[in-house]
Amino acid sequence: MGEPGFWDDQQEAARISAEHARLAKRLERYERLNREYQDAQELFAMDGGMADEIEASILPLRRELERLQEDALFDGEYDAGDAVVTVHAGTGGTDAQDWAEILLRMYLRWAADRGFETELVEASPGEEAGLKSATFTVRGENAYGVTKAERGVHRLVRQSPFDQAHRRHTSFAQVIVSPLLSDDVDVDIDESDLRIDTYRASGAGGQHVNKTDSAVRITHLPSGIVVQCQNERSQASNKQTALRILKSRLAEIAEERREAALAKERCASQQADFGSQIRSYVLHPYQLVKDHRTEHETGNTQAVLDGQLDEFIHEYLLARAAGKVV
C-alpha cells in the first residue's frame, strides 16, 4: 500500500485497502484474545482456588475463538462479503406463511446478536397471517460465509394456531442465501431475458400508503428466478436493488454448481442440495430442533427460535470443512 502509484487504479486500491483493514482487525482480535488467555493463566497460577471464577470469565473468550476458527474455514470467492437472504413459505398454507415470518424474526435476531447489520428489502404478507416471502440483506465480516449454512428447506411440526381443533401440522419454508455483490461486479444479464413488473407497495395504510406503483418485481425467464423490492420510495431505486439481488442469485447458482463439483471430487454425501430439508423444528408432541446434515440437536427450541443458531452453524461449517457435507 505504500508503493508509488498504489492509488492509480482506485478500484483495485480500494479492494486491497479493505482486505488490509479486515486482516488487521482479525490479527488485533487474535492478539487481544491471546493476552486475555495469558492473564487467566497467570491468575490461576497465583490462586488455583479461583478456578471456577476463571472458567466463567473465559467463556466469552471461548466463543470468540470459535468465531476465529470459523474464519479459517471460509475459502469461497464470496465468503468474506455480505449476503442477501430470502425466505419463501412452502407447503402448509397459512401455517407455512406464519412459519416464514417466524424464521424471518429468528434470523434478524440472530444477525443482531452476532453484530451484523440487516435491512429488510421486501416482505409480502400472506392472505390471513404471516408472510409469503421476505428478503433482507446481512452486512458484516464473513456474512455470506456464515449465513449460507442456513440455505435449504426448514421444517416445522407443531399444533396449528390456525386450526380450531389444534391438530398437529407440518409446515415448510425455504431459505435462499446469495452473496450480495458489489456494484462493480459484472454479471452478464440479457435484458431480453427479463420480465419487469411494477405494483403498489404494501404499507401501513392511511397517510403512509403508497399511491404509486413503485415496487418492482423482476423475473429472470431462463432460470425462473423472481426477485422483488419495495423498500425504496422510487421505482428506479427499487429496480436497481432488485437487479442487484438478481445478480446475487445468479452468482449463488454458479457457487452451488462449483460446490457440487467439489463435493463430487471429494465423494462427499450431497445432503445440502438446493431445496433439501436441512433442519426440523418439532414443537409437538416433544421439543427438539435437529439439523439433518450434522445430527446436531437441542431441546431448547425457544432459544433457537429466538436466534441462538451459532452452535448449529458452527457444527455445519466444521462438517463442511471435513468434507462430510456440501
C-alpha atoms as a PDB file:
ATOM      1  CA  MET A   1       0.000   0.000   0.000  1.00  0.00           C
ATOM      2  CA  GLY A   2       2.985   2.321   0.460  1.00  0.00           C
ATOM      3  CA  GLU A   3       4.316   1.781  -3.039  1.00  0.00           C
ATOM      4  CA  PRO A   4       4.267   4.716  -5.504  1.00  0.00           C
ATOM      5  CA  GLY A   5       1.297   4.551  -7.858  1.00  0.00           C
ATOM      6  CA  PHE A   6      -0.765   2.403  -5.493  1.00  0.00           C
ATOM      7  CA  TRP A   7      -3.824   4.641  -5.973  1.00  0.00           C
ATOM      8  CA  ASP A   8      -3.509   4.840  -9.765  1.00  0.00           C
ATOM      9  CA  ASP A   9      -6.064   2.029 -10.004  1.00  0.00           C
ATOM     10  CA  GLN A  10      -8.535   3.273  -7.423  1.00  0.00           C
ATOM     11  CA  GLN A  11     -10.866   0.285  -7.646  1.00  0.00           C
ATOM     12  CA  GLU A  12      -8.069  -2.227  -7.025  1.00  0.00           C
ATOM     13  CA  ALA A  13      -6.534   0.002  -4.344  1.00  0.00           C
ATOM     14  CA  ALA A  14      -9.873   0.184  -2.531  1.00  0.00           C
ATOM     15  CA  ARG A  15     -10.174  -3.606  -2.642  1.00  0.00           C
ATOM     16  CA  ILE A  16      -6.685  -4.081  -1.198  1.00  0.00           C
ATOM     17  CA  SER A  17      -7.296  -1.442   1.473  1.00  0.00           C
ATOM     18  CA  ALA A  18     -10.498  -3.179   2.539  1.00  0.00           C
ATOM     19  CA  GLU A  19      -8.683  -6.527   2.686  1.00  0.00           C
ATOM     20  CA  HIS A  20      -5.886  -4.943   4.741  1.00  0.00           C
ATOM     21  CA  ALA A  21      -8.406  -3.495   7.206  1.00  0.00           C
ATOM     22  CA  ARG A  22     -10.185  -6.856   7.500  1.00  0.00           C
ATOM     23  CA  LEU A  23      -6.976  -8.789   8.194  1.00  0.00           C
ATOM     24  CA  ALA A  24      -5.658  -6.133  10.591  1.00  0.00           C
ATOM     25  CA  LYS A  25      -8.911  -6.373  12.560  1.00  0.00           C
ATOM     26  CA  ARG A  26      -8.630 -10.176  12.697  1.00  0.00           C
ATOM     27  CA  LEU A  27      -5.000 -10.004  13.868  1.00  0.00           C
ATOM     28  CA  GLU A  28      -5.885  -7.438  16.537  1.00  0.00           C
ATOM     29  CA  ARG A  29      -8.663  -9.714  17.799  1.00  0.00           C
ATOM     30  CA  TYR A  30      -6.312 -12.704  17.972  1.00  0.00           C
ATOM     31  CA  GLU A  31      -3.693 -10.736  19.912  1.00  0.00           C
ATOM     32  CA  ARG A  32      -6.332  -9.487  22.378  1.00  0.00           C
ATOM     33  CA  LEU A  33      -7.664 -12.987  22.974  1.00  0.00           C
ATOM     34  CA  ASN A  34      -4.127 -14.278  23.460  1.00  0.00           C
ATOM     35  CA  ARG A  35      -3.495 -11.610  26.119  1.00  0.00           C
ATOM     36  CA  GLU A  36      -6.727 -12.488  27.924  1.00  0.00           C
ATOM     37  CA  TYR A  37      -5.765 -16.169  27.915  1.00  0.00           C
ATOM     38  CA  GLN A  38      -2.309 -15.427  29.321  1.00  0.00           C
ATOM     39  CA  ASP A  39      -3.850 -13.234  32.040  1.00  0.00           C
ATOM     40  CA  ALA A  40      -6.159 -16.096  33.026  1.00  0.00           C
ATOM     41  CA  GLN A  41      -3.195 -18.488  33.132  1.00  0.00           C
ATOM     42  CA  GLU A  42      -1.235 -16.170  35.420  1.00  0.00           C
ATOM     43  CA  LEU A  43      -4.221 -15.645  37.715  1.00  0.00           C
ATOM     44  CA  PHE A  44      -4.750 -19.404  38.012  1.00  0.00           C
ATOM     45  CA  ALA A  45      -1.040 -19.913  38.785  1.00  0.00           C
ATOM     46  CA  MET A  46      -1.291 -17.374  41.619  1.00  0.00           C
ATOM     47  CA  ASP A  47      -4.564 -18.700  43.064  1.00  0.00           C
ATOM     48  CA  GLY A  48      -5.797 -22.133  41.958  1.00  0.00           C
ATOM     49  CA  GLY A  49      -8.813 -21.737  44.221  1.00  0.00           C
ATOM     50  CA  MET A  50     -10.314 -19.291  41.723  1.00  0.00           C
ATOM     51  CA  ALA A  51     -10.651 -21.973  39.025  1.00  0.00           C
ATOM     52  CA  ASP A  52     -14.461 -21.677  38.824  1.00  0.00           C
ATOM     53  CA  GLU A  53     -14.367 -17.880  38.535  1.00  0.00           C
ATOM     54  CA  ILE A  54     -11.616 -18.029  35.915  1.00  0.00           C
ATOM     55  CA  GLU A  55     -13.555 -20.639  33.924  1.00  0.00           C
ATOM     56  CA  ALA A  56     -16.641 -18.402  33.915  1.00  0.00           C
ATOM     57  CA  SER A  57     -14.610 -15.362  32.899  1.00  0.00           C
ATOM     58  CA  ILE A  58     -13.133 -17.033  29.818  1.00  0.00           C
ATOM     59  CA  LEU A  59     -16.443 -18.317  28.399  1.00  0.00           C
ATOM     60  CA  PRO A  60     -16.681 -15.249  26.104  1.00  0.00           C
ATOM     61  CA  LEU A  61     -13.105 -15.953  25.016  1.00  0.00           C
ATOM     62  CA  ARG A  62     -14.086 -19.499  24.017  1.00  0.00           C
ATOM     63  CA  ARG A  63     -16.953 -18.153  21.889  1.00  0.00           C
ATOM     64  CA  GLU A  64     -14.664 -15.682  20.139  1.00  0.00           C
ATOM     65  CA  LEU A  65     -12.117 -18.417  19.481  1.00  0.00           C
ATOM     66  CA  GLU A  66     -14.873 -20.418  17.782  1.00  0.00           C
ATOM     67  CA  ARG A  67     -15.506 -17.400  15.553  1.00  0.00           C
ATOM     68  CA  LEU A  68     -11.798 -17.264  14.671  1.00  0.00           C
ATOM     69  CA  GLN A  69     -11.911 -20.970  13.921  1.00  0.00           C
ATOM     70  CA  GLU A  70     -14.841 -20.328  11.584  1.00  0.00           C
ATOM     71  CA  ASP A  71     -12.880 -17.568   9.839  1.00  0.00           C
ATOM     72  CA  ALA A  72     -10.226 -20.094   8.876  1.00  0.00           C
ATOM     73  CA  LEU A  73     -12.850 -22.308   7.202  1.00  0.00           C
ATOM     74  CA  PHE A  74     -14.014 -19.774   4.620  1.00  0.00           C
ATOM     75  CA  ASP A  75     -12.464 -20.381   1.224  1.00  0.00           C
ATOM     76  CA  GLY A  76     -15.248 -19.383  -1.173  1.00  0.00           C
ATOM     77  CA  GLU A  77     -14.970 -16.433  -3.529  1.00  0.00           C
ATOM     78  CA  TYR A  78     -17.729 -14.500  -1.762  1.00  0.00           C
ATOM     79  CA  ASP A  79     -17.481 -15.885   1.795  1.00  0.00           C
ATOM     80  CA  ALA A  80     -15.907 -12.758   3.302  1.00  0.00           C
ATOM     81  CA  GLY A  81     -18.601 -10.458   1.931  1.00  0.00           C
ATOM     82  CA  ASP A  82     -22.233  -9.571   2.574  1.00  0.00           C
ATOM     83  CA  ALA A  83     -25.299 -11.732   1.957  1.00  0.00           C
ATOM     84  CA  VAL A  84     -28.881 -11.434   0.772  1.00  0.00           C
ATOM     85  CA  VAL A  85     -31.383 -13.851   2.308  1.00  0.00           C
ATOM     86  CA  THR A  86     -34.843 -14.749   1.014  1.00  0.00           C
ATOM     87  CA  VAL A  87     -37.382 -16.765   2.985  1.00  0.00           C
ATOM     88  CA  HIS A  88     -40.219 -18.398   0.993  1.00  0.00           C
ATOM     89  CA  ALA A  89     -43.279 -20.031   2.542  1.00  0.00           C
ATOM     90  CA  GLY A  90     -43.645 -23.573   1.219  1.00  0.00           C
ATOM     91  CA  THR A  91     -46.164 -26.355   1.674  1.00  0.00           C
ATOM     92  CA  GLY A  92     -48.550 -25.801   4.569  1.00  0.00           C
ATOM     93  CA  GLY A  93     -50.853 -22.907   3.674  1.00  0.00           C
ATOM     94  CA  THR A  94     -51.321 -20.277   6.385  1.00  0.00           C
ATOM     95  CA  ASP A  95     -49.139 -22.285   8.779  1.00  0.00           C
ATOM     96  CA  ALA A  96     -46.275 -22.158   6.284  1.00  0.00           C
ATOM     97  CA  GLN A  97     -46.681 -18.400   5.850  1.00  0.00           C
ATOM     98  CA  ASP A  98     -46.635 -17.979   9.623  1.00  0.00           C
ATOM     99  CA  TRP A  99     -43.535 -20.202   9.737  1.00  0.00           C
ATOM    100  CA  ALA A 100     -41.820 -17.963   7.174  1.00  0.00           C
ATOM    101  CA  GLU A 101     -42.454 -14.948   9.426  1.00  0.00           C
ATOM    102  CA  ILE A 102     -41.105 -16.839  12.459  1.00  0.00           C
ATOM    103  CA  LEU A 103     -37.935 -17.687  10.516  1.00  0.00           C
ATOM    104  CA  LEU A 104     -37.509 -14.049   9.471  1.00  0.00           C
ATOM    105  CA  ARG A 105     -37.708 -12.965  13.120  1.00  0.00           C
ATOM    106  CA  MET A 106     -35.246 -15.710  14.106  1.00  0.00           C
ATOM    107  CA  TYR A 107     -32.662 -14.638  11.530  1.00  0.00           C
ATOM    108  CA  LEU A 108     -32.964 -10.927  12.256  1.00  0.00           C
ATOM    109  CA  ARG A 109     -32.426 -11.572  15.973  1.00  0.00           C
ATOM    110  CA  TRP A 110     -29.501 -13.906  15.273  1.00  0.00           C
ATOM    111  CA  ALA A 111     -27.858 -11.349  12.979  1.00  0.00           C
ATOM    112  CA  ALA A 112     -28.272  -8.564  15.554  1.00  0.00           C
ATOM    113  CA  ASP A 113     -26.757 -10.712  18.323  1.00  0.00           C
ATOM    114  CA  ARG A 114     -23.820 -11.547  16.058  1.00  0.00           C
ATOM    115  CA  GLY A 115     -23.162  -7.898  15.248  1.00  0.00           C
ATOM    116  CA  PHE A 116     -24.325  -7.963  11.626  1.00  0.00           C
ATOM    117  CA  GLU A 117     -26.307  -5.120  10.067  1.00  0.00           C
ATOM    118  CA  THR A 118     -29.576  -6.071   8.372  1.00  0.00           C
ATOM    119  CA  GLU A 119     -32.011  -4.290   6.079  1.00  0.00           C
ATOM    120  CA  LEU A 120     -35.418  -5.606   5.052  1.00  0.00           C
ATOM    121  CA  VAL A 121     -35.745  -5.287   1.281  1.00  0.00           C
ATOM    122  CA  GLU A 122     -39.161  -6.842   0.723  1.00  0.00           C
ATOM    123  CA  ALA A 123     -41.910  -8.591   2.673  1.00  0.00           C
ATOM    124  CA  SER A 124     -45.037  -9.960   1.006  1.00  0.00           C
ATOM    125  CA  PRO A 125     -47.820 -10.598   3.550  1.00  0.00           C
ATOM    126  CA  GLY A 126     -49.890 -13.770   3.479  1.00  0.00           C
ATOM    127  CA  GLU A 127     -53.628 -13.814   2.911  1.00  0.00           C
ATOM    128  CA  GLU A 128     -54.522 -14.493   6.566  1.00  0.00           C
ATOM    129  CA  ALA A 129     -51.275 -14.270   8.518  1.00  0.00           C
ATOM    130  CA  GLY A 130     -47.518 -14.484   8.150  1.00  0.00           C
ATOM    131  CA  LEU A 131     -45.501 -13.872   5.003  1.00  0.00           C
ATOM    132  CA  LYS A 132     -45.453 -15.381   1.543  1.00  0.00           C
ATOM    133  CA  SER A 133     -41.843 -14.241   1.214  1.00  0.00           C
ATOM    134  CA  ALA A 134     -39.321 -11.830   2.656  1.00  0.00           C
ATOM    135  CA  THR A 135     -35.880 -10.661   1.557  1.00  0.00           C
ATOM    136  CA  PHE A 136     -33.243  -8.950   3.684  1.00  0.00           C
ATOM    137  CA  THR A 137     -29.550  -8.145   3.447  1.00  0.00           C
ATOM    138  CA  VAL A 138     -26.895  -9.099   6.000  1.00  0.00           C
ATOM    139  CA  ARG A 139     -23.750  -6.976   6.173  1.00  0.00           C
ATOM    140  CA  GLY A 140     -20.588  -7.718   8.115  1.00  0.00           C
ATOM    141  CA  GLU A 141     -17.351  -9.685   8.020  1.00  0.00           C
ATOM    142  CA  ASN A 142     -17.919 -13.188   6.583  1.00  0.00           C
ATOM    143  CA  ALA A 143     -21.680 -12.577   6.488  1.00  0.00           C
ATOM    144  CA  TYR A 144     -22.170 -14.770   3.406  1.00  0.00           C
ATOM    145  CA  GLY A 145     -19.781 -17.472   4.586  1.00  0.00           C
ATOM    146  CA  VAL A 146     -21.709 -17.823   7.846  1.00  0.00           C
ATOM    147  CA  THR A 147     -25.254 -17.277   6.609  1.00  0.00           C
ATOM    148  CA  LYS A 148     -25.080 -19.763   3.733  1.00  0.00           C
ATOM    149  CA  ALA A 149     -25.083 -22.519   6.367  1.00  0.00           C
ATOM    150  CA  GLU A 150     -28.837 -21.853   6.599  1.00  0.00           C
ATOM    151  CA  ARG A 151     -29.815 -22.330   2.965  1.00  0.00           C
ATOM    152  CA  GLY A 152     -32.266 -25.130   2.329  1.00  0.00           C
ATOM    153  CA  VAL A 153     -35.716 -26.188   3.493  1.00  0.00           C
ATOM    154  CA  HIS A 154     -36.705 -25.791   7.155  1.00  0.00           C
ATOM    155  CA  ARG A 155     -39.498 -27.988   8.555  1.00  0.00           C
ATOM    156  CA  LEU A 156     -41.812 -27.061  11.444  1.00  0.00           C
ATOM    157  CA  VAL A 157     -44.023 -29.531  13.353  1.00  0.00           C
ATOM    158  CA  ARG A 158     -46.476 -28.031  15.860  1.00  0.00           C
ATOM    159  CA  GLN A 159     -50.079 -27.749  16.943  1.00  0.00           C
ATOM    160  CA  SER A 160     -51.505 -25.258  14.479  1.00  0.00           C
ATOM    161  CA  PRO A 161     -52.774 -21.984  15.976  1.00  0.00           C
ATOM    162  CA  PHE A 162     -54.930 -21.655  12.836  1.00  0.00           C
ATOM    163  CA  ASP A 163     -56.703 -25.000  13.329  1.00  0.00           C
ATOM    164  CA  GLN A 164     -59.697 -24.821  15.693  1.00  0.00           C
ATOM    165  CA  ALA A 165     -59.111 -28.467  16.635  1.00  0.00           C
ATOM    166  CA  HIS A 166     -55.416 -27.687  17.365  1.00  0.00           C
ATOM    167  CA  ARG A 167     -54.260 -30.632  15.310  1.00  0.00           C
ATOM    168  CA  ARG A 168     -50.604 -31.183  14.576  1.00  0.00           C
ATOM    169  CA  HIS A 169     -49.454 -29.611  11.292  1.00  0.00           C
ATOM    170  CA  THR A 170     -46.205 -29.806   9.356  1.00  0.00           C
ATOM    171  CA  SER A 171     -45.060 -26.687   7.510  1.00  0.00           C
ATOM    172  CA  PHE A 172     -42.120 -25.928   5.261  1.00  0.00           C
ATOM    173  CA  ALA A 173     -40.205 -22.798   4.320  1.00  0.00           C
ATOM    174  CA  GLN A 174     -37.236 -22.387   2.017  1.00  0.00           C
ATOM    175  CA  VAL A 175     -34.259 -20.198   2.838  1.00  0.00           C
ATOM    176  CA  ILE A 176     -32.176 -18.940  -0.084  1.00  0.00           C
ATOM    177  CA  VAL A 177     -28.820 -17.295   0.663  1.00  0.00           C
ATOM    178  CA  SER A 178     -26.839 -15.455  -2.003  1.00  0.00           C
ATOM    179  CA  PRO A 179     -23.680 -13.329  -1.949  1.00  0.00           C
ATOM    180  CA  LEU A 180     -24.592  -9.639  -2.063  1.00  0.00           C
ATOM    181  CA  LEU A 181     -22.497  -8.488  -4.990  1.00  0.00           C
ATOM    182  CA  SER A 182     -20.982  -5.029  -5.062  1.00  0.00           C
ATOM    183  CA  ASP A 183     -21.952  -2.697  -7.904  1.00  0.00           C
ATOM    184  CA  ASP A 184     -18.588  -3.151  -9.608  1.00  0.00           C
ATOM    185  CA  VAL A 185     -19.024  -6.931 -10.025  1.00  0.00           C
ATOM    186  CA  ASP A 186     -20.124  -7.624 -13.585  1.00  0.00           C
ATOM    187  CA  VAL A 187     -22.730 -10.349 -14.128  1.00  0.00           C
ATOM    188  CA  ASP A 188     -23.871 -10.618 -17.725  1.00  0.00           C
ATOM    189  CA  ILE A 189     -27.673 -10.399 -17.980  1.00  0.00           C
ATOM    190  CA  ASP A 190     -29.527 -10.138 -21.264  1.00  0.00           C
ATOM    191  CA  GLU A 191     -32.293  -7.544 -20.918  1.00  0.00           C
ATOM    192  CA  SER A 192     -34.494  -9.652 -23.207  1.00  0.00           C
ATOM    193  CA  ASP A 193     -34.395 -12.420 -20.564  1.00  0.00           C
ATOM    194  CA  LEU A 194     -36.116 -10.181 -18.023  1.00  0.00           C
ATOM    195  CA  ARG A 195     -39.785  -9.524 -17.339  1.00  0.00           C
ATOM    196  CA  ILE A 196     -40.208  -6.432 -15.195  1.00  0.00           C
ATOM    197  CA  ASP A 197     -43.495  -5.755 -13.413  1.00  0.00           C
ATOM    198  CA  THR A 198     -44.394  -2.851 -11.162  1.00  0.00           C
ATOM    199  CA  TYR A 199     -47.009  -2.852  -8.424  1.00  0.00           C
ATOM    200  CA  ARG A 200     -48.145  -0.793  -5.479  1.00  0.00           C
ATOM    201  CA  ALA A 201     -46.050  -1.490  -2.375  1.00  0.00           C
ATOM    202  CA  SER A 202     -47.950  -2.652   0.675  1.00  0.00           C
ATOM    203  CA  GLY A 203     -47.886  -0.245   3.595  1.00  0.00           C
ATOM    204  CA  ALA A 204     -49.469   0.593   6.909  1.00  0.00           C
ATOM    205  CA  GLY A 205     -52.347   2.452   5.288  1.00  0.00           C
ATOM    206  CA  GLY A 206     -53.597   5.971   5.942  1.00  0.00           C
ATOM    207  CA  GLN A 207     -51.230   8.748   5.004  1.00  0.00           C
ATOM    208  CA  HIS A 208     -48.361   6.254   4.604  1.00  0.00           C
ATOM    209  CA  VAL A 209     -49.991   4.138   1.901  1.00  0.00           C
ATOM    210  CA  ASN A 210     -48.061   4.116  -1.364  1.00  0.00           C
ATOM    211  CA  LYS A 211     -50.124   5.785  -4.087  1.00  0.00           C
ATOM    212  CA  THR A 212     -47.779   4.895  -6.964  1.00  0.00           C
ATOM    213  CA  ASP A 213     -46.569   1.631  -8.483  1.00  0.00           C
ATOM    214  CA  SER A 214     -43.084   1.989  -7.016  1.00  0.00           C
ATOM    215  CA  ALA A 215     -42.484  -1.662  -6.094  1.00  0.00           C
ATOM    216  CA  VAL A 216     -40.643  -3.733  -8.716  1.00  0.00           C
ATOM    217  CA  ARG A 217     -40.738  -7.449  -9.486  1.00  0.00           C
ATOM    218  CA  ILE A 218     -38.178  -8.910 -11.921  1.00  0.00           C
ATOM    219  CA  THR A 219     -38.465 -12.411 -13.388  1.00  0.00           C
ATOM    220  CA  HIS A 220     -35.371 -13.952 -14.986  1.00  0.00           C
ATOM    221  CA  LEU A 221     -37.031 -16.112 -17.639  1.00  0.00           C
ATOM    222  CA  PRO A 222     -34.220 -18.645 -18.316  1.00  0.00           C
ATOM    223  CA  SER A 223     -33.821 -19.595 -14.642  1.00  0.00           C
ATOM    224  CA  GLY A 224     -37.299 -18.772 -13.344  1.00  0.00           C
ATOM    225  CA  ILE A 225     -35.798 -16.653 -10.542  1.00  0.00           C
ATOM    226  CA  VAL A 226     -38.153 -13.962  -9.243  1.00  0.00           C
ATOM    227  CA  VAL A 227     -36.884 -11.048  -7.145  1.00  0.00           C
ATOM    228  CA  GLN A 228     -38.747  -8.020  -5.870  1.00  0.00           C
ATOM    229  CA  CYS A 229     -38.064  -4.847  -3.950  1.00  0.00           C
ATOM    230  CA  GLN A 230     -40.417  -2.348  -2.342  1.00  0.00           C
ATOM    231  CA  ASN A 231     -38.441  -0.688   0.449  1.00  0.00           C
ATOM    232  CA  GLU A 232     -37.474   2.408  -1.566  1.00  0.00           C
ATOM    233  CA  ARG A 233     -39.900   5.196  -2.492  1.00  0.00           C
ATOM    234  CA  SER A 234     -38.535   5.457  -6.015  1.00  0.00           C
ATOM    235  CA  GLN A 235     -39.344   2.860  -8.673  1.00  0.00           C
ATOM    236  CA  ALA A 236     -35.873   3.396 -10.179  1.00  0.00           C
ATOM    237  CA  SER A 237     -34.188   2.706  -6.823  1.00  0.00           C
ATOM    238  CA  ASN A 238     -36.285  -0.427  -6.303  1.00  0.00           C
ATOM    239  CA  LYS A 239     -35.408  -1.629  -9.799  1.00  0.00           C
ATOM    240  CA  GLN A 240     -31.700  -1.073  -9.166  1.00  0.00           C
ATOM    241  CA  THR A 241     -31.857  -3.004  -5.887  1.00  0.00           C
ATOM    242  CA  ALA A 242     -33.873  -5.830  -7.471  1.00  0.00           C
ATOM    243  CA  LEU A 243     -31.339  -6.146 -10.301  1.00  0.00           C
ATOM    244  CA  ARG A 244     -28.532  -6.318  -7.769  1.00  0.00           C
ATOM    245  CA  ILE A 245     -30.331  -9.110  -5.904  1.00  0.00           C
ATOM    246  CA  LEU A 246     -30.946 -10.936  -9.194  1.00  0.00           C
ATOM    247  CA  LYS A 247     -27.224 -10.808  -9.974  1.00  0.00           C
ATOM    248  CA  SER A 248     -26.555 -12.151  -6.488  1.00  0.00           C
ATOM    249  CA  ARG A 249     -28.969 -15.037  -7.029  1.00  0.00           C
ATOM    250  CA  LEU A 250     -27.310 -15.922 -10.337  1.00  0.00           C
ATOM    251  CA  ALA A 251     -23.915 -15.816  -8.621  1.00  0.00           C
ATOM    252  CA  GLU A 252     -25.301 -18.122  -5.929  1.00  0.00           C
ATOM    253  CA  ILE A 253     -26.361 -20.687  -8.541  1.00  0.00           C
ATOM    254  CA  ALA A 254     -22.859 -20.629 -10.017  1.00  0.00           C
ATOM    255  CA  GLU A 255     -21.409 -21.030  -6.499  1.00  0.00           C
ATOM    256  CA  GLU A 256     -23.655 -24.016  -5.777  1.00  0.00           C
ATOM    257  CA  ARG A 257     -22.570 -25.695  -9.003  1.00  0.00           C
ATOM    258  CA  ARG A 258     -18.936 -25.155  -8.030  1.00  0.00           C
ATOM    259  CA  GLU A 259     -19.549 -26.643  -4.587  1.00  0.00           C
ATOM    260  CA  ALA A 260     -21.385 -29.619  -6.061  1.00  0.00           C
ATOM    261  CA  ALA A 261     -18.433 -30.269  -8.374  1.00  0.00           C
ATOM    262  CA  LEU A 262     -16.005 -30.098  -5.445  1.00  0.00           C
ATOM    263  CA  ALA A 263     -18.225 -32.426  -3.421  1.00  0.00           C
ATOM    264  CA  LYS A 264     -18.225 -34.915  -6.283  1.00  0.00           C
ATOM    265  CA  GLU A 265     -14.430 -34.802  -6.379  1.00  0.00           C
ATOM    266  CA  ARG A 266     -14.319 -35.432  -2.608  1.00  0.00           C
ATOM    267  CA  CYS A 267     -17.050 -38.083  -2.884  1.00  0.00           C
ATOM    268  CA  ALA A 268     -18.973 -36.170  -0.209  1.00  0.00           C
ATOM    269  CA  SER A 269     -22.555 -37.013   0.545  1.00  0.00           C
ATOM    270  CA  GLN A 270     -24.642 -34.272  -1.064  1.00  0.00           C
ATOM    271  CA  GLN A 271     -27.031 -33.686   1.823  1.00  0.00           C
ATOM    272  CA  ALA A 272     -27.344 -29.951   1.280  1.00  0.00           C
ATOM    273  CA  ASP A 273     -28.598 -29.796  -2.273  1.00  0.00           C
ATOM    274  CA  PHE A 274     -30.780 -26.821  -3.157  1.00  0.00           C
ATOM    275  CA  GLY A 275     -34.288 -27.498  -1.874  1.00  0.00           C
ATOM    276  CA  SER A 276     -33.318 -30.272   0.551  1.00  0.00           C
ATOM    277  CA  GLN A 277     -34.651 -30.399   4.106  1.00  0.00           C
ATOM    278  CA  ILE A 278     -31.781 -29.368   6.341  1.00  0.00           C
ATOM    279  CA  ARG A 279     -33.402 -28.913   9.754  1.00  0.00           C
ATOM    280  CA  SER A 280     -36.537 -29.868  11.667  1.00  0.00           C
ATOM    281  CA  TYR A 281     -38.121 -27.808  14.430  1.00  0.00           C
ATOM    282  CA  VAL A 282     -40.506 -30.012  16.426  1.00  0.00           C
ATOM    283  CA  LEU A 283     -42.682 -28.211  18.988  1.00  0.00           C
ATOM    284  CA  HIS A 284     -45.252 -31.000  19.478  1.00  0.00           C
ATOM    285  CA  PRO A 285     -45.522 -33.724  20.822  1.00  0.00           C
ATOM    286  CA  TYR A 286     -41.963 -33.069  22.100  1.00  0.00           C
ATOM    287  CA  GLN A 287     -39.450 -30.206  21.852  1.00  0.00           C
ATOM    288  CA  LEU A 288     -36.483 -30.721  19.525  1.00  0.00           C
ATOM    289  CA  VAL A 289     -34.532 -28.857  16.875  1.00  0.00           C
ATOM    290  CA  LYS A 290     -32.354 -31.192  14.801  1.00  0.00           C
ATOM    291  CA  ASP A 291     -30.020 -30.499  11.890  1.00  0.00           C
ATOM    292  CA  HIS A 292     -30.186 -33.433   9.492  1.00  0.00           C
ATOM    293  CA  ARG A 293     -26.798 -32.681   7.939  1.00  0.00           C
ATOM    294  CA  THR A 294     -24.730 -32.817  11.135  1.00  0.00           C
ATOM    295  CA  GLU A 295     -27.146 -34.572  13.558  1.00  0.00           C
ATOM    296  CA  HIS A 296     -26.621 -31.662  15.972  1.00  0.00           C
ATOM    297  CA  GLU A 297     -29.748 -31.146  18.095  1.00  0.00           C
ATOM    298  CA  THR A 298     -31.136 -29.319  21.120  1.00  0.00           C
ATOM    299  CA  GLY A 299     -34.306 -29.482  23.184  1.00  0.00           C
ATOM    300  CA  ASN A 300     -34.270 -25.726  23.841  1.00  0.00           C
ATOM    301  CA  THR A 301     -36.478 -24.873  20.871  1.00  0.00           C
ATOM    302  CA  GLN A 302     -37.448 -21.415  22.133  1.00  0.00           C
ATOM    303  CA  ALA A 303     -33.800 -20.319  22.371  1.00  0.00           C
ATOM    304  CA  VAL A 304     -33.236 -21.376  18.751  1.00  0.00           C
ATOM    305  CA  LEU A 305     -36.348 -19.553  17.535  1.00  0.00           C
ATOM    306  CA  ASP A 306     -35.088 -16.510  19.457  1.00  0.00           C
ATOM    307  CA  GLY A 307     -31.932 -16.529  17.332  1.00  0.00           C
ATOM    308  CA  GLN A 308     -29.449 -18.842  19.073  1.00  0.00           C
ATOM    309  CA  LEU A 309     -28.189 -20.510  15.887  1.00  0.00           C
ATOM    310  CA  ASP A 310     -24.420 -20.313  16.321  1.00  0.00           C
ATOM    311  CA  GLU A 311     -23.972 -23.908  17.532  1.00  0.00           C
ATOM    312  CA  PHE A 312     -25.837 -25.278  14.506  1.00  0.00           C
ATOM    313  CA  ILE A 313     -23.872 -23.065  12.130  1.00  0.00           C
ATOM    314  CA  HIS A 314     -20.535 -23.910  13.779  1.00  0.00           C
ATOM    315  CA  GLU A 315     -21.183 -27.661  13.536  1.00  0.00           C
ATOM    316  CA  TYR A 316     -22.148 -27.316   9.874  1.00  0.00           C
ATOM    317  CA  LEU A 317     -19.026 -25.301   8.999  1.00  0.00           C
ATOM    318  CA  LEU A 318     -16.772 -27.884  10.689  1.00  0.00           C
ATOM    319  CA  ALA A 319     -18.531 -30.750   8.908  1.00  0.00           C
ATOM    320  CA  ARG A 320     -18.293 -28.942   5.578  1.00  0.00           C
ATOM    321  CA  ALA A 321     -14.569 -28.279   6.055  1.00  0.00           C
ATOM    322  CA  ALA A 322     -14.101 -32.001   6.749  1.00  0.00           C
ATOM    323  CA  GLY A 323     -15.941 -32.873   3.512  1.00  0.00           C
ATOM    324  CA  LYS A 324     -18.844 -34.556   5.308  1.00  0.00           C
ATOM    325  CA  VAL A 325     -21.495 -32.206   3.917  1.00  0.00           C
ATOM    326  CA  VAL A 326     -21.692 -29.822   0.982  1.00  0.00           C
END
